[in-house]
PDB file of N, CA and C in Angstrom:
ATOM      1  N   MET A   1       1.025 -15.096  10.954  1.00  0.00           N
ATOM      2  CA  MET A   1       2.126 -14.134  11.068  1.00  0.00           C
ATOM      3  C   MET A   1       2.056 -15.061   9.435  1.00  0.00           C
ATOM      4  N   LEU A   2       1.770 -14.259   8.434  1.00  0.00           N
ATOM      5  CA  LEU A   2       2.196 -14.774   7.675  1.00  0.00           C
ATOM      6  C   LEU A   2       4.513 -15.121   7.027  1.00  0.00           C
ATOM      7  N   SER A   3       4.664 -16.799   7.079  1.00  0.00           N
ATOM      8  CA  SER A   3       6.096 -17.052   6.669  1.00  0.00           C
ATOM      9  C   SER A   3       6.229 -17.999   5.303  1.00  0.00           C
ATOM     10  N   ALA A   4       6.818 -18.039   5.426  1.00  0.00           N
ATOM     11  CA  ALA A   4       7.696 -18.959   4.187  1.00  0.00           C
ATOM     12  C   ALA A   4       8.123 -19.987   4.121  1.00  0.00           C
ATOM     13  N   SER A   5       7.562 -20.973   3.348  1.00  0.00           N
ATOM     14  CA  SER A   5       7.600 -22.662   3.907  1.00  0.00           C
ATOM     15  C   SER A   5       8.370 -22.636   1.984  1.00  0.00           C
ATOM     16  N   ARG A   6       8.541 -23.581   2.138  1.00  0.00           N
ATOM     17  CA  ARG A   6       9.749 -24.379   0.707  1.00  0.00           C
ATOM     18  C   ARG A   6       8.374 -23.755  -0.505  1.00  0.00           C
ATOM     19  N   ASP A   7       7.397 -24.168   0.562  1.00  0.00           N
ATOM     20  CA  ASP A   7       6.182 -24.121  -1.261  1.00  0.00           C
ATOM     21  C   ASP A   7       5.923 -22.559  -1.987  1.00  0.00           C
ATOM     22  N   ASP A   8       5.995 -21.856  -0.552  1.00  0.00           N
ATOM     23  CA  ASP A   8       5.291 -20.462  -0.426  1.00  0.00           C
ATOM     24  C   ASP A   8       6.558 -19.643  -0.096  1.00  0.00           C
ATOM     25  N   PRO A   9       7.127 -18.282  -1.256  1.00  0.00           N
ATOM     26  CA  PRO A   9       7.995 -18.077  -1.561  1.00  0.00           C
ATOM     27  C   PRO A   9       7.829 -16.206  -0.892  1.00  0.00           C
ATOM     28  N   SER A  10       7.019 -16.380   0.032  1.00  0.00           N
ATOM     29  CA  SER A  10       6.584 -14.855   0.398  1.00  0.00           C
ATOM     30  C   SER A  10       6.858 -14.643   2.471  1.00  0.00           C
ATOM     31  N   TRP A  11       7.538 -13.686   2.396  1.00  0.00           N
ATOM     32  CA  TRP A  11       8.011 -13.674   3.610  1.00  0.00           C
ATOM     33  C   TRP A  11       6.974 -12.306   3.961  1.00  0.00           C
ATOM     34  N   THR A  12       7.508 -12.543   5.953  1.00  0.00           N
ATOM     35  CA  THR A  12       6.837 -10.924   6.222  1.00  0.00           C
ATOM     36  C   THR A  12       8.232 -10.108   6.087  1.00  0.00           C
ATOM     37  N   VAL A  13       8.168  -8.536   6.867  1.00  0.00           N
ATOM     38  CA  VAL A  13       9.399  -8.557   6.343  1.00  0.00           C
ATOM     39  C   VAL A  13      10.707  -8.774   7.836  1.00  0.00           C
ATOM     40  N   ALA A  14       9.410  -8.823   8.761  1.00  0.00           N
ATOM     41  CA  ALA A  14       9.821  -9.176  10.179  1.00  0.00           C
ATOM     42  C   ALA A  14      10.912 -10.608   9.587  1.00  0.00           C
ATOM     43  N   ARG A  15       9.976 -11.950   9.182  1.00  0.00           N
ATOM     44  CA  ARG A  15      10.843 -13.115   9.244  1.00  0.00           C
ATOM     45  C   ARG A  15      12.120 -13.219   8.120  1.00  0.00           C
ATOM     46  N   ALA A  16      11.759 -12.105   7.343  1.00  0.00           N
ATOM     47  CA  ALA A  16      12.794 -11.441   6.197  1.00  0.00           C
ATOM     48  C   ALA A  16      14.158 -10.663   6.773  1.00  0.00           C
ATOM     49  N   LYS A  17      13.994 -10.081   7.985  1.00  0.00           N
ATOM     50  CA  LYS A  17      14.910  -9.780   8.402  1.00  0.00           C
ATOM     51  C   LYS A  17      15.467 -11.430   9.463  1.00  0.00           C
ATOM     52  N   ALA A  18      14.877 -11.694   9.738  1.00  0.00           N
ATOM     53  CA  ALA A  18      15.204 -12.326  11.262  1.00  0.00           C
ATOM     54  C   ALA A  18      15.666 -14.303  10.517  1.00  0.00           C
ATOM     55  N   ARG A  19      15.701 -14.238   9.300  1.00  0.00           N
ATOM     56  CA  ARG A  19      16.190 -14.390   8.243  1.00  0.00           C
ATOM     57  C   ARG A  19      17.087 -14.660   6.674  1.00  0.00           C
ATOM     58  N   LEU A  20      17.433 -13.892   6.665  1.00  0.00           N
ATOM     59  CA  LEU A  20      18.123 -13.131   5.615  1.00  0.00           C
ATOM     60  C   LEU A  20      18.094 -14.155   4.002  1.00  0.00           C
ATOM     61  N   SER A  21      19.171 -14.881   5.102  1.00  0.00           N
ATOM     62  CA  SER A  21      20.754 -15.875   4.603  1.00  0.00           C
ATOM     63  C   SER A  21      19.387 -16.923   3.543  1.00  0.00           C
ATOM     64  N   GLU A  22      18.665 -17.082   4.864  1.00  0.00           N
ATOM     65  CA  GLU A  22      18.020 -17.522   3.959  1.00  0.00           C
ATOM     66  C   GLU A  22      16.900 -16.986   2.939  1.00  0.00           C
ATOM     67  N   VAL A  23      16.715 -16.596   2.853  1.00  0.00           N
ATOM     68  CA  VAL A  23      16.065 -15.858   1.959  1.00  0.00           C
ATOM     69  C   VAL A  23      17.265 -16.265   0.682  1.00  0.00           C
ATOM     70  N   ILE A  24      17.718 -15.048   0.767  1.00  0.00           N
ATOM     71  CA  ILE A  24      18.953 -14.682   0.040  1.00  0.00           C
ATOM     72  C   ILE A  24      18.940 -16.183  -1.047  1.00  0.00           C
ATOM     73  N   GLU A  25      19.113 -17.286  -0.352  1.00  0.00           N
ATOM     74  CA  GLU A  25      19.723 -18.577  -0.272  1.00  0.00           C
ATOM     75  C   GLU A  25      18.466 -19.261  -1.566  1.00  0.00           C
ATOM     76  N   ARG A  26      17.690 -18.762  -0.944  1.00  0.00           N
ATOM     77  CA  ARG A  26      15.622 -19.666  -2.409  1.00  0.00           C
ATOM     78  C   ARG A  26      15.353 -18.606  -2.814  1.00  0.00           C
ATOM     79  N   ALA A  27      16.474 -16.852  -3.190  1.00  0.00           N
ATOM     80  CA  ALA A  27      16.314 -16.475  -3.863  1.00  0.00           C
ATOM     81  C   ALA A  27      16.756 -17.175  -4.913  1.00  0.00           C
ATOM     82  N   GLN A  28      18.428 -17.431  -4.805  1.00  0.00           N
ATOM     83  CA  GLN A  28      19.261 -18.694  -6.225  1.00  0.00           C
ATOM     84  C   GLN A  28      18.274 -19.362  -7.114  1.00  0.00           C
ATOM     85  N   SER A  29      17.107 -19.633  -6.884  1.00  0.00           N
ATOM     86  CA  SER A  29      16.359 -21.197  -7.451  1.00  0.00           C
ATOM     87  C   SER A  29      14.446 -19.868  -7.717  1.00  0.00           C
ATOM     88  N   ALA A  30      14.068 -18.993  -6.721  1.00  0.00           N
ATOM     89  CA  ALA A  30      13.181 -19.095  -6.535  1.00  0.00           C
ATOM     90  C   ALA A  30      12.721 -17.225  -7.021  1.00  0.00           C
ATOM     91  N   PRO A  31      12.174 -16.403  -6.769  1.00  0.00           N
ATOM     92  CA  PRO A  31      11.586 -15.459  -6.428  1.00  0.00           C
ATOM     93  C   PRO A  31      11.333 -15.210  -4.791  1.00  0.00           C
ATOM     94  N   GLN A  32      11.584 -14.574  -4.434  1.00  0.00           N
ATOM     95  CA  GLN A  32      11.301 -14.426  -2.867  1.00  0.00           C
ATOM     96  C   GLN A  32      10.533 -13.273  -2.870  1.00  0.00           C
ATOM     97  N   THR A  33       8.686 -12.768  -2.487  1.00  0.00           N
ATOM     98  CA  THR A  33       8.257 -12.222  -2.073  1.00  0.00           C
ATOM     99  C   THR A  33       8.205 -11.556  -0.582  1.00  0.00           C
ATOM    100  N   ILE A  34       8.450 -10.443  -0.066  1.00  0.00           N
ATOM    101  CA  ILE A  34       8.603 -10.001   0.739  1.00  0.00           C
ATOM    102  C   ILE A  34       7.267  -8.827   0.626  1.00  0.00           C
ATOM    103  N   THR A  35       6.377  -8.997   1.939  1.00  0.00           N
ATOM    104  CA  THR A  35       4.947  -8.314   2.194  1.00  0.00           C
ATOM    105  C   THR A  35       5.729  -7.413   3.183  1.00  0.00           C
ATOM    106  N   ARG A  36       4.525  -6.318   3.106  1.00  0.00           N
ATOM    107  CA  ARG A  36       4.843  -5.487   4.792  1.00  0.00           C
ATOM    108  C   ARG A  36       2.872  -5.834   4.761  1.00  0.00           C
ATOM    109  N   ASN A  37       2.480  -5.466   5.294  1.00  0.00           N
ATOM    110  CA  ASN A  37       0.876  -5.041   6.050  1.00  0.00           C
ATOM    111  C   ASN A  37       0.020  -5.857   4.952  1.00  0.00           C
ATOM    112  N   GLY A  38       1.128  -7.291   4.743  1.00  0.00           N
ATOM    113  CA  GLY A  38      -0.179  -8.209   4.144  1.00  0.00           C
ATOM    114  C   GLY A  38      -0.530  -7.583   2.569  1.00  0.00           C
ATOM    115  N   LYS A  39       0.556  -7.449   2.501  1.00  0.00           N
ATOM    116  CA  LYS A  39       0.633  -7.177   0.593  1.00  0.00           C
ATOM    117  C   LYS A  39       2.700  -7.210  -0.167  1.00  0.00           C
ATOM    118  N   PRO A  40       2.511  -8.003  -0.974  1.00  0.00           N
ATOM    119  CA  PRO A  40       3.403  -8.163  -2.297  1.00  0.00           C
ATOM    120  C   PRO A  40       4.447  -6.180  -2.242  1.00  0.00           C
ATOM    121  N   SER A  41       4.744  -6.259  -1.544  1.00  0.00           N
ATOM    122  CA  SER A  41       6.429  -5.082  -1.122  1.00  0.00           C
ATOM    123  C   SER A  41       6.857  -5.237  -2.682  1.00  0.00           C
ATOM    124  N   VAL A  42       8.164  -5.894  -2.549  1.00  0.00           N
ATOM    125  CA  VAL A  42       9.309  -6.367  -3.284  1.00  0.00           C
ATOM    126  C   VAL A  42       9.439  -7.352  -3.435  1.00  0.00           C
ATOM    127  N   VAL A  43      10.602  -8.322  -4.361  1.00  0.00           N
ATOM    128  CA  VAL A  43      10.993  -8.878  -4.960  1.00  0.00           C
ATOM    129  C   VAL A  43      13.029  -9.659  -4.517  1.00  0.00           C
ATOM    130  N   VAL A  44      12.607 -10.135  -4.174  1.00  0.00           N
ATOM    131  CA  VAL A  44      13.769 -10.190  -3.691  1.00  0.00           C
ATOM    132  C   VAL A  44      13.738 -11.983  -5.197  1.00  0.00           C
ATOM    133  N   VAL A  45      15.211 -11.594  -6.400  1.00  0.00           N
ATOM    134  CA  VAL A  45      16.020 -12.485  -6.655  1.00  0.00           C
ATOM    135  C   VAL A  45      17.341 -12.785  -7.112  1.00  0.00           C
ATOM    136  N   SER A  46      17.004 -13.916  -7.519  1.00  0.00           N
ATOM    137  CA  SER A  46      19.460 -13.500  -7.234  1.00  0.00           C
ATOM    138  C   SER A  46      19.793 -12.273  -9.113  1.00  0.00           C
ATOM    139  N   ALA A  47      20.859 -12.402  -8.844  1.00  0.00           N
ATOM    140  CA  ALA A  47      22.167 -11.777  -9.203  1.00  0.00           C
ATOM    141  C   ALA A  47      22.381 -12.061 -10.919  1.00  0.00           C
ATOM    142  N   GLU A  48      22.326 -13.355 -11.276  1.00  0.00           N
ATOM    143  CA  GLU A  48      22.131 -13.779 -12.082  1.00  0.00           C
ATOM    144  C   GLU A  48      20.212 -13.680 -12.724  1.00  0.00           C
ATOM    145  N   GLU A  49      19.318 -13.640 -12.840  1.00  0.00           N
ATOM    146  CA  GLU A  49      17.918 -13.416 -12.990  1.00  0.00           C
ATOM    147  C   GLU A  49      17.784 -12.164 -13.412  1.00  0.00           C
ATOM    148  N   TRP A  50      18.305 -11.334 -12.256  1.00  0.00           N
ATOM    149  CA  TRP A  50      18.351  -9.863 -12.344  1.00  0.00           C
ATOM    150  C   TRP A  50      18.852  -9.210 -14.112  1.00  0.00           C
ATOM    151  N   GLN A  51      20.085  -9.610 -13.790  1.00  0.00           N
ATOM    152  CA  GLN A  51      20.861  -9.467 -15.442  1.00  0.00           C
ATOM    153  C   GLN A  51      20.061 -10.223 -16.130  1.00  0.00           C
ATOM    154  N   ARG A  52      19.489 -10.731 -16.056  1.00  0.00           N
ATOM    155  CA  ARG A  52      18.873 -11.667 -17.530  1.00  0.00           C
ATOM    156  C   ARG A  52      16.987 -11.327 -17.886  1.00  0.00           C
ATOM    157  N   LYS A  53      17.231 -10.028 -16.182  1.00  0.00           N
ATOM    158  CA  LYS A  53      15.321  -9.751 -16.704  1.00  0.00           C
ATOM    159  C   LYS A  53      16.405  -8.300 -17.717  1.00  0.00           C
ATOM    160  N   THR A  54      17.050  -7.570 -17.616  1.00  0.00           N
ATOM    161  CA  THR A  54      17.624  -5.842 -17.215  1.00  0.00           C
ATOM    162  C   THR A  54      18.743  -5.984 -18.628  1.00  0.00           C
ATOM    163  N   ALA A  55      18.800  -7.165 -19.264  1.00  0.00           N
ATOM    164  CA  ALA A  55      20.131  -6.882 -20.566  1.00  0.00           C
ATOM    165  C   ALA A  55      19.150  -6.103 -21.597  1.00  0.00           C
ATOM    166  N   ARG A  56      20.096  -5.138 -21.945  1.00  0.00           N
ATOM    167  CA  ARG A  56      19.850  -4.423 -23.060  1.00  0.00           C
ATOM    168  C   ARG A  56      19.959  -5.105 -23.808  1.00  0.00           C
ATOM    169  N   LYS A  57      18.906  -5.613 -24.717  1.00  0.00           N
ATOM    170  CA  LYS A  57      18.123  -6.308 -25.571  1.00  0.00           C
ATOM    171  C   LYS A  57      18.356  -6.089 -27.332  1.00  0.00           C
ATOM    172  N   GLY A  58      19.584  -5.146 -27.393  1.00  0.00           N
ATOM    173  CA  GLY A  58      19.239  -4.759 -28.045  1.00  0.00           C
ATOM    174  C   GLY A  58      19.197  -3.074 -28.752  1.00  0.00           C
ATOM    175  N   THR A  59      19.734  -2.175 -29.678  1.00  0.00           N
ATOM    176  CA  THR A  59      19.338  -0.728 -30.046  1.00  0.00           C
ATOM    177  C   THR A  59      18.177  -0.250 -30.457  1.00  0.00           C
ATOM    178  N   LEU A  60      18.611   1.485 -30.204  1.00  0.00           N
ATOM    179  CA  LEU A  60      16.759   1.877 -30.206  1.00  0.00           C
ATOM    180  C   LEU A  60      16.938   1.393 -31.207  1.00  0.00           C
ATOM    181  N   ALA A  61      17.539   1.538 -32.348  1.00  0.00           N
ATOM    182  CA  ALA A  61      17.483   1.448 -33.714  1.00  0.00           C
ATOM    183  C   ALA A  61      17.355   0.233 -34.363  1.00  0.00           C
ATOM    184  N   GLU A  62      17.340  -0.022 -33.690  1.00  0.00           N
ATOM    185  CA  GLU A  62      17.084  -2.251 -34.094  1.00  0.00           C
ATOM    186  C   GLU A  62      15.608  -2.628 -33.445  1.00  0.00           C
ATOM    187  N   PHE A  63      15.494  -1.920 -32.892  1.00  0.00           N
ATOM    188  CA  PHE A  63      13.882  -1.923 -32.225  1.00  0.00           C
ATOM    189  C   PHE A  63      13.326  -1.074 -32.872  1.00  0.00           C
ATOM    190  N   LEU A  64      13.106  -0.291 -33.265  1.00  0.00           N
ATOM    191  CA  LEU A  64      12.472   1.130 -34.153  1.00  0.00           C
ATOM    192  C   LEU A  64      12.818   0.190 -35.773  1.00  0.00           C
ATOM    193  N   LEU A  65      13.246  -0.496 -36.250  1.00  0.00           N
ATOM    194  CA  LEU A  65      13.237  -1.175 -37.700  1.00  0.00           C
ATOM    195  C   LEU A  65      12.409  -2.537 -37.470  1.00  0.00           C
ATOM    196  N   GLU A  66      11.993  -3.344 -36.260  1.00  0.00           N
ATOM    197  CA  GLU A  66      11.357  -4.518 -36.114  1.00  0.00           C
ATOM    198  C   GLU A  66       9.578  -3.277 -35.592  1.00  0.00           C
ATOM    199  N   SER A  67       9.878  -2.625 -35.422  1.00  0.00           N
ATOM    200  CA  SER A  67       8.150  -1.488 -35.206  1.00  0.00           C
ATOM    201  C   SER A  67       7.487  -2.310 -36.070  1.00  0.00           C
ATOM    202  N   PRO A  68       6.055  -2.881 -35.327  1.00  0.00           N
ATOM    203  CA  PRO A  68       4.667  -3.154 -36.412  1.00  0.00           C
ATOM    204  C   PRO A  68       4.013  -1.875 -37.058  1.00  0.00           C
ATOM    205  N   LEU A  69       4.607  -1.275 -36.232  1.00  0.00           N
ATOM    206  CA  LEU A  69       4.472  -0.212 -37.454  1.00  0.00           C
ATOM    207  C   LEU A  69       5.216   0.286 -38.283  1.00  0.00           C
ATOM    208  N   ARG A  70       6.419   0.008 -38.657  1.00  0.00           N
ATOM    209  CA  ARG A  70       7.157   0.489 -39.793  1.00  0.00           C
ATOM    210  C   ARG A  70       6.905   0.145 -41.602  1.00  0.00           C
ATOM    211  N   GLY A  71       6.700   1.309 -42.065  1.00  0.00           N
ATOM    212  CA  GLY A  71       5.982   1.515 -43.473  1.00  0.00           C
ATOM    213  C   GLY A  71       4.938   1.370 -43.534  1.00  0.00           C
ATOM    214  N   ALA A  72       4.020   1.940 -41.954  1.00  0.00           N
ATOM    215  CA  ALA A  72       2.114   2.698 -41.410  1.00  0.00           C
ATOM    216  C   ALA A  72       2.296   3.868 -42.504  1.00  0.00           C
ATOM    217  N   GLU A  73       1.178   4.276 -42.924  1.00  0.00           N
ATOM    218  CA  GLU A  73       0.738   5.490 -43.186  1.00  0.00           C
ATOM    219  C   GLU A  73       0.955   6.261 -42.261  1.00  0.00           C
ATOM    220  N   LEU A  74       1.566   7.052 -41.567  1.00  0.00           N
ATOM    221  CA  LEU A  74       1.469   7.807 -39.797  1.00  0.00           C
ATOM    222  C   LEU A  74       1.841   9.353 -40.475  1.00  0.00           C
ATOM    223  N   ASP A  75       0.113   9.980 -40.053  1.00  0.00           N
ATOM    224  CA  ASP A  75       0.503  11.409 -39.913  1.00  0.00           C
ATOM    225  C   ASP A  75       0.993  11.678 -38.857  1.00  0.00           C
ATOM    226  N   LEU A  76       1.813  12.151 -39.033  1.00  0.00           N
ATOM    227  CA  LEU A  76       3.280  12.678 -37.675  1.00  0.00           C
ATOM    228  C   LEU A  76       3.167  14.269 -37.876  1.00  0.00           C
ATOM    229  N   GLY A  77       3.160  14.735 -38.681  1.00  0.00           N
ATOM    230  CA  GLY A  77       2.995  16.615 -39.446  1.00  0.00           C
ATOM    231  C   GLY A  77       1.896  16.941 -37.422  1.00  0.00           C
ATOM    232  N   ARG A  78       2.904  18.310 -37.469  1.00  0.00           N
ATOM    233  CA  ARG A  78       2.713  18.682 -35.541  1.00  0.00           C
ATOM    234  C   ARG A  78       1.772  19.870 -35.971  1.00  0.00           C
ATOM    235  N   LEU A  79       1.478  20.327 -35.292  1.00  0.00           N
ATOM    236  CA  LEU A  79       0.688  21.539 -34.847  1.00  0.00           C
ATOM    237  C   LEU A  79       1.300  22.604 -34.814  1.00  0.00           C
ATOM    238  N   ARG A  80       1.630  24.603 -35.947  1.00  0.00           N
ATOM    239  CA  ARG A  80       1.988  25.671 -35.718  1.00  0.00           C
ATOM    240  C   ARG A  80       1.236  26.589 -34.525  1.00  0.00           C
ATOM    241  N   ASP A  81       1.028  25.733 -33.232  1.00  0.00           N
ATOM    242  CA  ASP A  81      -0.025  27.137 -32.752  1.00  0.00           C
ATOM    243  C   ASP A  81       1.053  28.207 -31.774  1.00  0.00           C
ATOM    244  N   GLU A  82       0.248  29.138 -31.678  1.00  0.00           N
ATOM    245  CA  GLU A  82       1.686  30.612 -31.627  1.00  0.00           C
ATOM    246  C   GLU A  82       2.124  30.160 -29.888  1.00  0.00           C
ATOM    247  N   PRO A  83       3.129  30.135 -29.485  1.00  0.00           N
ATOM    248  CA  PRO A  83       3.088  29.722 -28.387  1.00  0.00           C
ATOM    249  C   PRO A  83       1.938  30.801 -27.097  1.00  0.00           C
ATOM    250  N   HIS A  84       2.374  30.524 -26.197  1.00  0.00           N
ATOM    251  CA  HIS A  84       1.188  30.496 -24.662  1.00  0.00           C
ATOM    252  C   HIS A  84       1.910  30.852 -24.140  1.00  0.00           C
ATOM    253  N   ASP A  85       1.478  32.251 -23.036  1.00  0.00           N
ATOM    254  CA  ASP A  85       1.799  32.549 -21.201  1.00  0.00           C
ATOM    255  C   ASP A  85       1.828  31.653 -21.247  1.00  0.00           C
ATOM    256  N   LEU A  86       2.658  31.309 -20.638  1.00  0.00           N
ATOM    257  CA  LEU A  86       1.898  30.154 -18.793  1.00  0.00           C
ATOM    258  C   LEU A  86       1.756  30.936 -17.190  1.00  0.00           C
ATOM    259  N   PRO A  87       1.511  30.693 -16.810  1.00  0.00           N
ATOM    260  CA  PRO A  87       0.905  30.620 -15.178  1.00  0.00           C
ATOM    261  C   PRO A  87       2.916  30.819 -14.862  1.00  0.00           C
ATOM    262  N   ARG A  88       2.630  31.142 -13.472  1.00  0.00           N
ATOM    263  CA  ARG A  88       3.682  31.360 -13.297  1.00  0.00           C
ATOM    264  C   ARG A  88       3.614  30.861 -11.522  1.00  0.00           C
TER     265      ARG A  88
END
């Protein structure tokens, strides 16, 4: 059975359930991976880390203005095909 040691942040589902408090405590300093059937299934991270990873990093307009394609001469024309009947 896979078990988490101080050097290995991997836990089986059964061990993580039995030692949830320890998983949470250790996730405060490093992500903890929970495996199912020997394969990584989920990663437990601290709320602080989750906020940092999911925080918005600007607006869509800022993203588009910083695009490496800005100023590129792209042909963005659409084909004007006739509508097609779709099968029901």
